[in-house]
C-alpha atoms as a PDB file:
ATOM      1  CA  UNK A   1      25.863  11.573  27.658  1.00  0.00           C
ATOM      2  CA  UNK A   2      28.844  11.806  25.293  1.00  0.00           C
ATOM      3  CA  UNK A   3      30.383   8.708  26.816  1.00  0.00           C
ATOM      4  CA  UNK A   4      27.057   6.854  26.579  1.00  0.00           C
ATOM      5  CA  UNK A   5      26.634   7.751  22.894  1.00  0.00           C
ATOM      6  CA  UNK A   6      30.252   6.859  22.168  1.00  0.00           C
ATOM      7  CA  UNK A   7      29.862   3.478  23.809  1.00  0.00           C
ATOM      8  CA  UNK A   8      26.735   2.698  21.808  1.00  0.00           C
ATOM      9  CA  UNK A   9      28.401   3.739  18.565  1.00  0.00           C
ATOM     10  CA  UNK A  10      31.362   1.506  19.377  1.00  0.00           C
ATOM     11  CA  UNK A  11      29.026  -1.396  20.046  1.00  0.00           C
ATOM     12  CA  UNK A  12      27.095  -0.705  16.838  1.00  0.00           C
ATOM     13  CA  UNK A  13      30.249  -0.682  14.726  1.00  0.00           C
ATOM     14  CA  UNK A  14      31.638  -3.664  16.613  1.00  0.00           C
ATOM     15  CA  UNK A  15      28.488  -5.669  15.895  1.00  0.00           C
ATOM     16  CA  UNK A  16      28.843  -4.898  12.192  1.00  0.00           C
ATOM     17  CA  UNK A  17      32.501  -5.925  12.283  1.00  0.00           C
ATOM     18  CA  UNK A  18      31.650  -9.243  13.931  1.00  0.00           C
ATOM     19  CA  UNK A  19      28.970  -9.951  11.314  1.00  0.00           C
ATOM     20  CA  UNK A  20      31.444  -9.156   8.535  1.00  0.00           C
ATOM     21  CA  UNK A  21      33.693 -11.923   9.839  1.00  0.00           C
ATOM     22  CA  UNK A  22      31.032 -14.451   8.812  1.00  0.00           C
ATOM     23  CA  UNK A  23      30.070 -13.067   5.427  1.00  0.00           C
ATOM     24  CA  UNK A  24      28.303 -16.108   3.995  1.00  0.00           C
ATOM     25  CA  UNK A  25      26.229 -16.857   7.086  1.00  0.00           C
ATOM     26  CA  UNK A  26      25.320 -13.187   7.461  1.00  0.00           C
ATOM     27  CA  UNK A  27      24.358 -12.884   3.814  1.00  0.00           C
ATOM     28  CA  UNK A  28      22.141 -15.979   3.914  1.00  0.00           C
ATOM     29  CA  UNK A  29      20.358 -14.739   7.026  1.00  0.00           C
ATOM     30  CA  UNK A  30      19.750 -11.267   5.596  1.00  0.00           C
ATOM     31  CA  UNK A  31      18.651 -12.836   2.298  1.00  0.00           C
ATOM     32  CA  UNK A  32      15.947 -14.876   4.038  1.00  0.00           C
ATOM     33  CA  UNK A  33      14.837 -11.780   5.966  1.00  0.00           C
ATOM     34  CA  UNK A  34      14.815  -9.772   2.730  1.00  0.00           C
ATOM     35  CA  UNK A  35      12.614 -12.312   0.956  1.00  0.00           C
ATOM     36  CA  UNK A  36      10.172 -12.286   3.884  1.00  0.00           C
ATOM     37  CA  UNK A  37      10.000  -8.479   3.829  1.00  0.00           C
ATOM     38  CA  UNK A  38       9.782  -8.323   0.039  1.00  0.00           C
ATOM     39  CA  UNK A  39       6.536 -10.309  -0.124  1.00  0.00           C
ATOM     40  CA  UNK A  40       4.292  -7.712   1.610  1.00  0.00           C
ATOM     41  CA  UNK A  41       6.179  -4.942  -0.198  1.00  0.00           C
ATOM     42  CA  UNK A  42       5.321  -6.554  -3.548  1.00  0.00           C
ATOM     43  CA  UNK A  43       1.687  -6.948  -2.478  1.00  0.00           C
ATOM     44  CA  UNK A  44       1.621  -3.239  -1.651  1.00  0.00           C
ATOM     45  CA  UNK A  45       3.053  -2.456  -5.082  1.00  0.00           C
ATOM     46  CA  UNK A  46       0.441  -4.672  -6.727  1.00  0.00           C
ATOM     47  CA  UNK A  47      -2.437  -2.818  -5.067  1.00  0.00           C
ATOM     48  CA  UNK A  48      -0.930   0.642  -5.625  1.00  0.00           C
ATOM     49  CA  UNK A  49      -0.255   0.020  -9.323  1.00  0.00           C
ATOM     50  CA  UNK A  50      -3.661  -1.590  -9.842  1.00  0.00           C
ATOM     51  CA  UNK A  51      -5.342   1.515  -8.414  1.00  0.00           C
ATOM     52  CA  UNK A  52      -3.233   3.738 -10.661  1.00  0.00           C
ATOM     53  CA  UNK A  53      -3.901   1.616 -13.754  1.00  0.00           C
ATOM     54  CA  UNK A  54      -7.644   1.694 -13.252  1.00  0.00           C
ATOM     55  CA  UNK A  55      -7.696   5.431 -12.560  1.00  0.00           C
ATOM     56  CA  UNK A  56      -8.553   4.754  -8.907  1.00  0.00           C
ATOM     57  CA  UNK A  57     -11.235   2.192  -8.051  1.00  0.00           C
ATOM     58  CA  UNK A  58     -13.452   4.900  -6.612  1.00  0.00           C
ATOM     59  CA  UNK A  59     -14.454   5.753 -10.184  1.00  0.00           C
ATOM     60  CA  UNK A  60     -16.412   2.494 -10.251  1.00  0.00           C
ATOM     61  CA  UNK A  61     -18.972   4.019  -7.879  1.00  0.00           C
ATOM     62  CA  UNK A  62     -19.939   7.031  -9.973  1.00  0.00           C
ATOM     63  CA  UNK A  63     -23.533   8.263  -9.761  1.00  0.00           C
ATOM     64  CA  UNK A  64     -25.251   8.976 -13.099  1.00  0.00           C
ATOM     65  CA  UNK A  65     -27.836  11.774 -13.045  1.00  0.00           C
ATOM     66  CA  UNK A  66     -30.280  12.422 -15.941  1.00  0.00           C
ATOM     67  CA  UNK A  67     -32.314  15.623 -16.185  1.00  0.00           C
ATOM     68  CA  UNK A  68     -35.914  16.050 -17.199  1.00  0.00           C
ATOM     69  CA  UNK A  69     -36.587  17.305 -20.694  1.00  0.00           C
ATOM     70  CA  UNK A  70     -36.481  20.089 -21.591  1.00  0.00           C
ATOM     71  CA  UNK A  71     -33.984  21.214 -18.900  1.00  0.00           C
ATOM     72  CA  UNK A  72     -31.661  23.963 -20.115  1.00  0.00           C
ATOM     73  CA  UNK A  73     -27.881  23.758 -20.045  1.00  0.00           C
ATOM     74  CA  UNK A  74     -27.803  26.685 -17.623  1.00  0.00           C
ATOM     75  CA  UNK A  75     -30.011  24.802 -15.147  1.00  0.00           C
ATOM     76  CA  UNK A  76     -27.878  21.656 -15.488  1.00  0.00           C
ATOM     77  CA  UNK A  77     -24.765  23.768 -14.890  1.00  0.00           C
ATOM     78  CA  UNK A  78     -26.296  25.314 -11.747  1.00  0.00           C
ATOM     79  CA  UNK A  79     -27.123  21.855 -10.388  1.00  0.00           C
ATOM     80  CA  UNK A  80     -23.569  20.692 -11.142  1.00  0.00           C
ATOM     81  CA  UNK A  81     -22.108  23.666  -9.264  1.00  0.00           C
ATOM     82  CA  UNK A  82     -24.437  22.999  -6.347  1.00  0.00           C
ATOM     83  CA  UNK A  83     -23.326  19.381  -6.126  1.00  0.00           C
ATOM     84  CA  UNK A  84     -19.649  20.382  -6.285  1.00  0.00           C
ATOM     85  CA  UNK A  85     -20.121  22.288  -3.029  1.00  0.00           C
ATOM     86  CA  UNK A  86     -20.996  19.107  -1.124  1.00  0.00           C
ATOM     87  CA  UNK A  87     -18.305  17.741   1.160  1.00  0.00           C
ATOM     88  CA  UNK A  88     -18.908  14.153  -0.025  1.00  0.00           C
ATOM     89  CA  UNK A  89     -18.483  14.926  -3.744  1.00  0.00           C
ATOM     90  CA  UNK A  90     -15.047  14.894  -5.348  1.00  0.00           C
ATOM     91  CA  UNK A  91     -15.929  15.718  -8.948  1.00  0.00           C
ATOM     92  CA  UNK A  92     -18.960  16.469 -11.139  1.00  0.00           C
ATOM     93  CA  UNK A  93     -18.834  16.182 -14.941  1.00  0.00           C
ATOM     94  CA  UNK A  94     -21.583  17.719 -17.072  1.00  0.00           C
ATOM     95  CA  UNK A  95     -22.474  15.857 -20.266  1.00  0.00           C
ATOM     96  CA  UNK A  96     -24.750  17.995 -22.423  1.00  0.00           C
ATOM     97  CA  UNK A  97     -27.330  16.444 -24.711  1.00  0.00           C
ATOM     98  CA  UNK A  98     -25.420  17.576 -27.815  1.00  0.00           C
ATOM     99  CA  UNK A  99     -22.160  16.027 -26.560  1.00  0.00           C
ATOM    100  CA  UNK A 100     -23.949  12.797 -25.663  1.00  0.00           C
ATOM    101  CA  UNK A 101     -25.515  12.604 -29.127  1.00  0.00           C
ATOM    102  CA  UNK A 102     -22.165  13.203 -30.831  1.00  0.00           C
ATOM    103  CA  UNK A 103     -20.550  10.470 -28.776  1.00  0.00           C
ATOM    104  CA  UNK A 104     -23.426   8.088 -29.501  1.00  0.00           C
ATOM    105  CA  UNK A 105     -23.151   8.809 -33.239  1.00  0.00           C
ATOM    106  CA  UNK A 106     -19.402   8.159 -33.117  1.00  0.00           C
ATOM    107  CA  UNK A 107     -19.562   4.970 -31.062  1.00  0.00           C
ATOM    108  CA  UNK A 108     -22.759   3.337 -32.346  1.00  0.00           C
ATOM    109  CA  UNK A 109     -22.236   3.461 -36.104  1.00  0.00           C
ATOM    110  CA  UNK A 110     -25.852   4.598 -36.686  1.00  0.00           C
ATOM    111  CA  UNK A 111     -24.916   8.022 -38.012  1.00  0.00           C
ATOM    112  CA  UNK A 112     -27.445   8.014 -40.853  1.00  0.00           C
ATOM    113  CA  UNK A 113     -30.329   7.029 -38.585  1.00  0.00           C
ATOM    114  CA  UNK A 114     -29.365   9.667 -36.036  1.00  0.00           C
ATOM    115  CA  UNK A 115     -29.202  12.343 -38.726  1.00  0.00           C
ATOM    116  CA  UNK A 116     -32.815  11.527 -39.599  1.00  0.00           C
ATOM    117  CA  UNK A 117     -33.987  12.590 -36.148  1.00  0.00           C
ATOM    118  CA  UNK A 118     -35.738  15.938 -35.985  1.00  0.00           C
ATOM    119  CA  UNK A 119     -34.715  16.587 -32.354  1.00  0.00           C
ATOM    120  CA  UNK A 120     -32.227  15.346 -29.823  1.00  0.00           C
ATOM    121  CA  UNK A 121     -33.860  12.613 -27.723  1.00  0.00           C
ATOM    122  CA  UNK A 122     -31.078  12.548 -25.135  1.00  0.00           C
ATOM    123  CA  UNK A 123     -31.205  14.563 -21.892  1.00  0.00           C
ATOM    124  CA  UNK A 124     -28.420  16.461 -20.193  1.00  0.00           C
ATOM    125  CA  UNK A 125     -26.588  14.303 -17.670  1.00  0.00           C
ATOM    126  CA  UNK A 126     -24.161  14.524 -14.776  1.00  0.00           C
ATOM    127  CA  UNK A 127     -21.508  12.071 -13.637  1.00  0.00           C
ATOM    128  CA  UNK A 128     -21.041  12.556  -9.885  1.00  0.00           C
ATOM    129  CA  UNK A 129     -17.948  11.035  -8.354  1.00  0.00           C
ATOM    130  CA  UNK A 130     -17.922  10.748  -4.525  1.00  0.00           C
ATOM    131  CA  UNK A 131     -14.837  11.222  -2.394  1.00  0.00           C
ATOM    132  CA  UNK A 132     -13.010   8.072  -1.372  1.00  0.00           C
ATOM    133  CA  UNK A 133     -14.047   8.178   2.287  1.00  0.00           C
ATOM    134  CA  UNK A 134     -17.696   8.487   1.234  1.00  0.00           C
ATOM    135  CA  UNK A 135     -17.641   5.677  -1.353  1.00  0.00           C
ATOM    136  CA  UNK A 136     -19.698   3.330   0.798  1.00  0.00           C
ATOM    137  CA  UNK A 137     -23.147   1.952   0.090  1.00  0.00           C
ATOM    138  CA  UNK A 138     -24.785   3.952   2.886  1.00  0.00           C
ATOM    139  CA  UNK A 139     -23.235   7.288   1.868  1.00  0.00           C
ATOM    140  CA  UNK A 140     -23.972   6.705  -1.805  1.00  0.00           C
ATOM    141  CA  UNK A 141     -27.615   5.924  -1.099  1.00  0.00           C
ATOM    142  CA  UNK A 142     -27.856   9.158   0.892  1.00  0.00           C
ATOM    143  CA  UNK A 143     -26.202  11.120  -1.930  1.00  0.00           C
ATOM    144  CA  UNK A 144     -28.496   9.561  -4.549  1.00  0.00           C
ATOM    145  CA  UNK A 145     -31.566  10.332  -2.434  1.00  0.00           C
ATOM    146  CA  UNK A 146     -30.586  13.984  -2.114  1.00  0.00           C
ATOM    147  CA  UNK A 147     -30.071  14.253  -5.880  1.00  0.00           C
ATOM    148  CA  UNK A 148     -33.426  12.587  -6.618  1.00  0.00           C
ATOM    149  CA  UNK A 149     -35.073  15.315  -4.580  1.00  0.00           C
ATOM    150  CA  UNK A 150     -33.950  18.021  -7.019  1.00  0.00           C
ATOM    151  CA  UNK A 151     -36.913  19.216  -9.141  1.00  0.00           C
ATOM    152  CA  UNK A 152     -35.075  19.080 -12.485  1.00  0.00           C
ATOM    153  CA  UNK A 153     -33.757  15.528 -12.033  1.00  0.00           C
ATOM    154  CA  UNK A 154     -35.563  12.705 -13.836  1.00  0.00           C
ATOM    155  CA  UNK A 155     -33.434   9.653 -13.009  1.00  0.00           C
ATOM    156  CA  UNK A 156     -30.487   8.739 -10.763  1.00  0.00           C
ATOM    157  CA  UNK A 157     -28.644   5.499 -11.498  1.00  0.00           C
ATOM    158  CA  UNK A 158     -26.509   3.876  -8.822  1.00  0.00           C
ATOM    159  CA  UNK A 159     -25.307   0.278  -8.793  1.00  0.00           C
ATOM    160  CA  UNK A 160     -25.178  -0.320  -5.038  1.00  0.00           C
ATOM    161  CA  UNK A 161     -24.647  -4.039  -5.541  1.00  0.00           C
ATOM    162  CA  UNK A 162     -21.375  -3.287  -7.320  1.00  0.00           C
ATOM    163  CA  UNK A 163     -20.439  -0.848  -4.570  1.00  0.00           C
ATOM    164  CA  UNK A 164     -20.918  -3.566  -1.957  1.00  0.00           C
ATOM    165  CA  UNK A 165     -18.870  -6.017  -4.000  1.00  0.00           C
ATOM    166  CA  UNK A 166     -16.128  -3.442  -4.481  1.00  0.00           C
ATOM    167  CA  UNK A 167     -15.961  -2.656  -0.773  1.00  0.00           C
ATOM    168  CA  UNK A 168     -15.868  -6.365   0.067  1.00  0.00           C
ATOM    169  CA  UNK A 169     -12.999  -6.935  -2.375  1.00  0.00           C
ATOM    170  CA  UNK A 170     -11.017  -3.989  -0.997  1.00  0.00           C
ATOM    171  CA  UNK A 171     -11.554  -5.111   2.584  1.00  0.00           C
ATOM    172  CA  UNK A 172     -10.536  -8.696   1.770  1.00  0.00           C
ATOM    173  CA  UNK A 173      -7.382  -7.521  -0.007  1.00  0.00           C
ATOM    174  CA  UNK A 174      -6.495  -5.145   2.817  1.00  0.00           C
ATOM    175  CA  UNK A 175      -6.943  -7.800   5.484  1.00  0.00           C
ATOM    176  CA  UNK A 176      -5.022 -10.289   3.393  1.00  0.00           C
ATOM    177  CA  UNK A 177      -2.073  -7.929   3.107  1.00  0.00           C
ATOM    178  CA  UNK A 178      -2.163  -7.144   6.838  1.00  0.00           C
ATOM    179  CA  UNK A 179      -2.377 -10.839   7.757  1.00  0.00           C
ATOM    180  CA  UNK A 180       0.445 -11.759   5.382  1.00  0.00           C
ATOM    181  CA  UNK A 181       2.624  -8.944   6.704  1.00  0.00           C
ATOM    182  CA  UNK A 182       1.948 -10.007  10.326  1.00  0.00           C
ATOM    183  CA  UNK A 183       2.837 -13.645   9.650  1.00  0.00           C
ATOM    184  CA  UNK A 184       5.997 -12.694   7.783  1.00  0.00           C
ATOM    185  CA  UNK A 185       6.932 -10.279  10.584  1.00  0.00           C
ATOM    186  CA  UNK A 186       6.744 -13.168  13.052  1.00  0.00           C
ATOM    187  CA  UNK A 187       8.886 -15.175  10.661  1.00  0.00           C
ATOM    188  CA  UNK A 188      11.513 -12.423  10.539  1.00  0.00           C
ATOM    189  CA  UNK A 189      11.583 -12.232  14.340  1.00  0.00           C
ATOM    190  CA  UNK A 190      11.984 -16.013  14.542  1.00  0.00           C
ATOM    191  CA  UNK A 191      14.858 -15.976  12.044  1.00  0.00           C
ATOM    192  CA  UNK A 192      16.681 -13.202  13.869  1.00  0.00           C
ATOM    193  CA  UNK A 193      15.991 -14.780  17.260  1.00  0.00           C
ATOM    194  CA  UNK A 194      17.333 -18.168  16.206  1.00  0.00           C
ATOM    195  CA  UNK A 195      20.446 -16.553  14.697  1.00  0.00           C
ATOM    196  CA  UNK A 196      21.094 -14.583  17.878  1.00  0.00           C
ATOM    197  CA  UNK A 197      20.546 -17.719  19.973  1.00  0.00           C
ATOM    198  CA  UNK A 198      23.247 -19.560  18.031  1.00  0.00           C
ATOM    199  CA  UNK A 199      25.578 -16.571  18.375  1.00  0.00           C
ATOM    200  CA  UNK A 200      25.024 -16.534  22.134  1.00  0.00           C
ATOM    201  CA  UNK A 201      25.839 -20.227  22.399  1.00  0.00           C
ATOM    202  CA  UNK A 202      29.029 -19.734  20.382  1.00  0.00           C
ATOM    203  CA  UNK A 203      30.097 -16.892  22.690  1.00  0.00           C
ATOM    204  CA  UNK A 204      29.077 -18.548  25.927  1.00  0.00           C
ATOM    205  CA  UNK A 205      32.583 -18.515  27.430  1.00  0.00           C
ATOM    206  CA  UNK A 206      32.997 -14.809  26.607  1.00  0.00           C
ATOM    207  CA  UNK A 207      29.637 -14.025  28.208  1.00  0.00           C
ATOM    208  CA  UNK A 208      30.532 -15.930  31.377  1.00  0.00           C
ATOM    209  CA  UNK A 209      33.778 -13.999  31.730  1.00  0.00           C
ATOM    210  CA  UNK A 210      31.973 -10.680  31.168  1.00  0.00           C
ATOM    211  CA  UNK A 211      29.436 -11.504  33.851  1.00  0.00           C
ATOM    212  CA  UNK A 212      32.189 -12.709  36.174  1.00  0.00           C
ATOM    213  CA  UNK A 213      33.821  -9.256  36.130  1.00  0.00           C
ATOM    214  CA  UNK A 214      30.496  -7.515  36.797  1.00  0.00           C
ATOM    215  CA  UNK A 215      28.852  -7.148  33.389  1.00  0.00           C
ATOM    216  CA  UNK A 216      25.051  -6.952  33.657  1.00  0.00           C
ATOM    217  CA  UNK A 217      22.594  -8.710  31.382  1.00  0.00           C
ATOM    218  CA  UNK A 218      21.800  -5.370  29.729  1.00  0.00           C
ATOM    219  CA  UNK A 219      25.495  -4.744  29.030  1.00  0.00           C
ATOM    220  CA  UNK A 220      26.000  -8.233  27.601  1.00  0.00           C
ATOM    221  CA  UNK A 221      22.786  -8.017  25.578  1.00  0.00           C
ATOM    222  CA  UNK A 222      23.675  -4.743  23.848  1.00  0.00           C
ATOM    223  CA  UNK A 223      25.912  -6.090  21.032  1.00  0.00           C
ATOM    224  CA  UNK A 224      23.340  -8.779  20.208  1.00  0.00           C
ATOM    225  CA  UNK A 225      20.640  -6.125  19.900  1.00  0.00           C
ATOM    226  CA  UNK A 226      22.741  -4.180  17.450  1.00  0.00           C
ATOM    227  CA  UNK A 227      23.417  -7.362  15.521  1.00  0.00           C
ATOM    228  CA  UNK A 228      19.660  -7.776  15.186  1.00  0.00           C
ATOM    229  CA  UNK A 229      19.380  -4.174  13.980  1.00  0.00           C
ATOM    230  CA  UNK A 230      22.004  -4.831  11.307  1.00  0.00           C
ATOM    231  CA  UNK A 231      20.179  -7.971  10.222  1.00  0.00           C
ATOM    232  CA  UNK A 232      16.996  -5.914   9.895  1.00  0.00           C
ATOM    233  CA  UNK A 233      18.701  -3.168   7.899  1.00  0.00           C
ATOM    234  CA  UNK A 234      20.341  -5.698   5.591  1.00  0.00           C
ATOM    235  CA  UNK A 235      17.053  -7.538   5.108  1.00  0.00           C
ATOM    236  CA  UNK A 236      15.198  -4.290   4.307  1.00  0.00           C
ATOM    237  CA  UNK A 237      17.816  -3.301   1.737  1.00  0.00           C
ATOM    238  CA  UNK A 238      17.611  -6.717   0.084  1.00  0.00           C
ATOM    239  CA  UNK A 239      13.792  -6.506   0.111  1.00  0.00           C
ATOM    240  CA  UNK A 240      13.952  -3.128  -1.626  1.00  0.00           C
ATOM    241  CA  UNK A 241      16.369  -4.517  -4.220  1.00  0.00           C
ATOM    242  CA  UNK A 242      14.102  -7.516  -4.831  1.00  0.00           C
ATOM    243  CA  UNK A 243      11.073  -5.272  -5.391  1.00  0.00           C
ATOM    244  CA  UNK A 244      13.152  -3.125  -7.747  1.00  0.00           C
ATOM    245  CA  UNK A 245      14.110  -6.242  -9.704  1.00  0.00           C
ATOM    246  CA  UNK A 246      10.454  -7.333  -9.882  1.00  0.00           C
ATOM    247  CA  UNK A 247       9.425  -3.886 -11.130  1.00  0.00           C
ATOM    248  CA  UNK A 248      12.250  -3.869 -13.669  1.00  0.00           C
ATOM    249  CA  UNK A 249      11.330  -7.303 -15.026  1.00  0.00           C
ATOM    250  CA  UNK A 250       7.606  -6.480 -15.313  1.00  0.00           C
ATOM    251  CA  UNK A 251       7.843  -2.868 -16.535  1.00  0.00           C
ATOM    252  CA  UNK A 252       8.229  -3.567 -20.272  1.00  0.00           C
ATOM    253  CA  UNK A 253       5.606  -6.358 -20.543  1.00  0.00           C
ATOM    254  CA  UNK A 254       3.074  -4.323 -18.534  1.00  0.00           C
ATOM    255  CA  UNK A 255       3.754  -1.229 -20.654  1.00  0.00           C
ATOM    256  CA  UNK A 256       3.201  -3.244 -23.842  1.00  0.00           C
ATOM    257  CA  UNK A 257      -0.094  -4.605 -22.518  1.00  0.00           C
ATOM    258  CA  UNK A 258      -1.207  -1.110 -21.492  1.00  0.00           C
ATOM    259  CA  UNK A 259      -0.235   0.204 -24.930  1.00  0.00           C
ATOM    260  CA  UNK A 260      -2.500  -2.355 -26.598  1.00  0.00           C
ATOM    261  CA  UNK A 261      -5.399  -0.794 -24.677  1.00  0.00           C
ATOM    262  CA  UNK A 262      -4.357   2.729 -25.590  1.00  0.00           C
ATOM    263  CA  UNK A 263      -2.929   3.556 -22.163  1.00  0.00           C
ATOM    264  CA  UNK A 264       0.441   5.014 -21.260  1.00  0.00           C
ATOM    265  CA  UNK A 265       0.511   3.293 -17.863  1.00  0.00           C
ATOM    266  CA  UNK A 266       3.911   2.270 -16.489  1.00  0.00           C
ATOM    267  CA  UNK A 267       4.421   0.186 -13.385  1.00  0.00           C
ATOM    268  CA  UNK A 268       5.977   2.152 -10.520  1.00  0.00           C
ATOM    269  CA  UNK A 269       8.332   1.039  -7.757  1.00  0.00           C
ATOM    270  CA  UNK A 270       8.288   1.839  -4.070  1.00  0.00           C
ATOM    271  CA  UNK A 271       7.785   5.496  -3.241  1.00  0.00           C
ATOM    272  CA  UNK A 272       9.967   7.201  -0.590  1.00  0.00           C
ATOM    273  CA  UNK A 273       7.404   6.812   2.210  1.00  0.00           C
ATOM    274  CA  UNK A 274       6.866   3.034   1.761  1.00  0.00           C
ATOM    275  CA  UNK A 275      10.636   2.656   1.449  1.00  0.00           C
ATOM    276  CA  UNK A 276      11.157   4.328   4.832  1.00  0.00           C
ATOM    277  CA  UNK A 277       8.395   2.159   6.317  1.00  0.00           C
ATOM    278  CA  UNK A 278      10.130  -0.947   4.946  1.00  0.00           C
ATOM    279  CA  UNK A 279      13.456   0.127   6.449  1.00  0.00           C
ATOM    280  CA  UNK A 280      11.847   0.967   9.792  1.00  0.00           C
ATOM    281  CA  UNK A 281      10.005  -2.357   9.859  1.00  0.00           C
ATOM    282  CA  UNK A 282      13.258  -4.217   9.256  1.00  0.00           C
ATOM    283  CA  UNK A 283      15.011  -2.381  12.088  1.00  0.00           C
ATOM    284  CA  UNK A 284      12.155  -2.855  14.564  1.00  0.00           C
ATOM    285  CA  UNK A 285      11.665  -6.552  13.766  1.00  0.00           C
ATOM    286  CA  UNK A 286      15.399  -7.228  13.938  1.00  0.00           C
ATOM    287  CA  UNK A 287      15.654  -5.475  17.289  1.00  0.00           C
ATOM    288  CA  UNK A 288      12.599  -7.249  18.732  1.00  0.00           C
ATOM    289  CA  UNK A 289      13.751 -10.673  17.589  1.00  0.00           C
ATOM    290  CA  UNK A 290      17.207 -10.201  19.048  1.00  0.00           C
ATOM    291  CA  UNK A 291      15.851  -8.688  22.269  1.00  0.00           C
ATOM    292  CA  UNK A 292      13.519 -11.607  22.935  1.00  0.00           C
ATOM    293  CA  UNK A 293      16.190 -14.218  22.175  1.00  0.00           C
ATOM    294  CA  UNK A 294      18.985 -12.453  24.051  1.00  0.00           C
ATOM    295  CA  UNK A 295      16.876 -11.688  27.128  1.00  0.00           C
ATOM    296  CA  UNK A 296      15.766 -15.299  27.396  1.00  0.00           C
ATOM    297  CA  UNK A 297      19.059 -17.059  26.828  1.00  0.00           C
ATOM    298  CA  UNK A 298      21.361 -14.656  28.663  1.00  0.00           C
ATOM    299  CA  UNK A 299      19.461 -15.297  31.909  1.00  0.00           C
ATOM    300  CA  UNK A 300      20.387 -18.953  31.611  1.00  0.00           C
ATOM    301  CA  UNK A 301      24.130 -18.219  31.425  1.00  0.00           C
ATOM    302  CA  UNK A 302      25.860 -17.565  34.729  1.00  0.00           C
ATOM    303  CA  UNK A 303      29.558 -17.883  35.584  1.00  0.00           C
ATOM    304  CA  UNK A 304      30.338 -21.138  37.410  1.00  0.00           C
END
């Protein structure tokens, strides 16, 4: 086992040394791979930062609950606590009639007219926010139906049309990202495979001699596989650097725009988990591309 590990480490380092002998060609290849990997990474950042900036899109599917009058604050509080116990509810906010009237006075500009009222015409209300996995039209309709059945509830407002549109948008974006990532992954494999094919042709005489003295296809293929791994690692590192540059360029303008809307939002870069996924994707794609190319072309080379 020690000898096997040592041999693989030697081949790994040897592959890196051979690539370093052709610095420009290696850099251009890894740069193209990095650009291909950076595109889905930037799309991921776009979606992640958009969700953060909007306070999570699931807030767009809140359920508004209005109580009958005159329902007491204690009864509204008991209903809120009851709804918080449901497995499909993430958060319940109680808006009392007094708080709603104060907010209306502040936002509407009709303070004098409101002061002329002898009683508060607004009811107590709840804002029910479902959990993300339950933010579908079917689950929301079920939740709204259960709330309507409560004796103290007068009205439940739920915009299911917006929920359907939101789910359609999220599904389209998700599929678009997956499709883009799949196409670019095929592109990375093609780039690595073509590079390995050219390397095999340039080392044809060396391969023939190795096979002549008993080297198997697996033995001959090993350094090319590690070359593909290095291409993948280099491409992933460049992709991470490109996303960092994009985040750095956009951070100040986005922060200024957010500040104009009274928000302290700042665009964020790749988190540790997506970074590891990016690195792993580069390694796997580099290995697969080199394996396919090397396995195909090495079979065609035999010592004469």
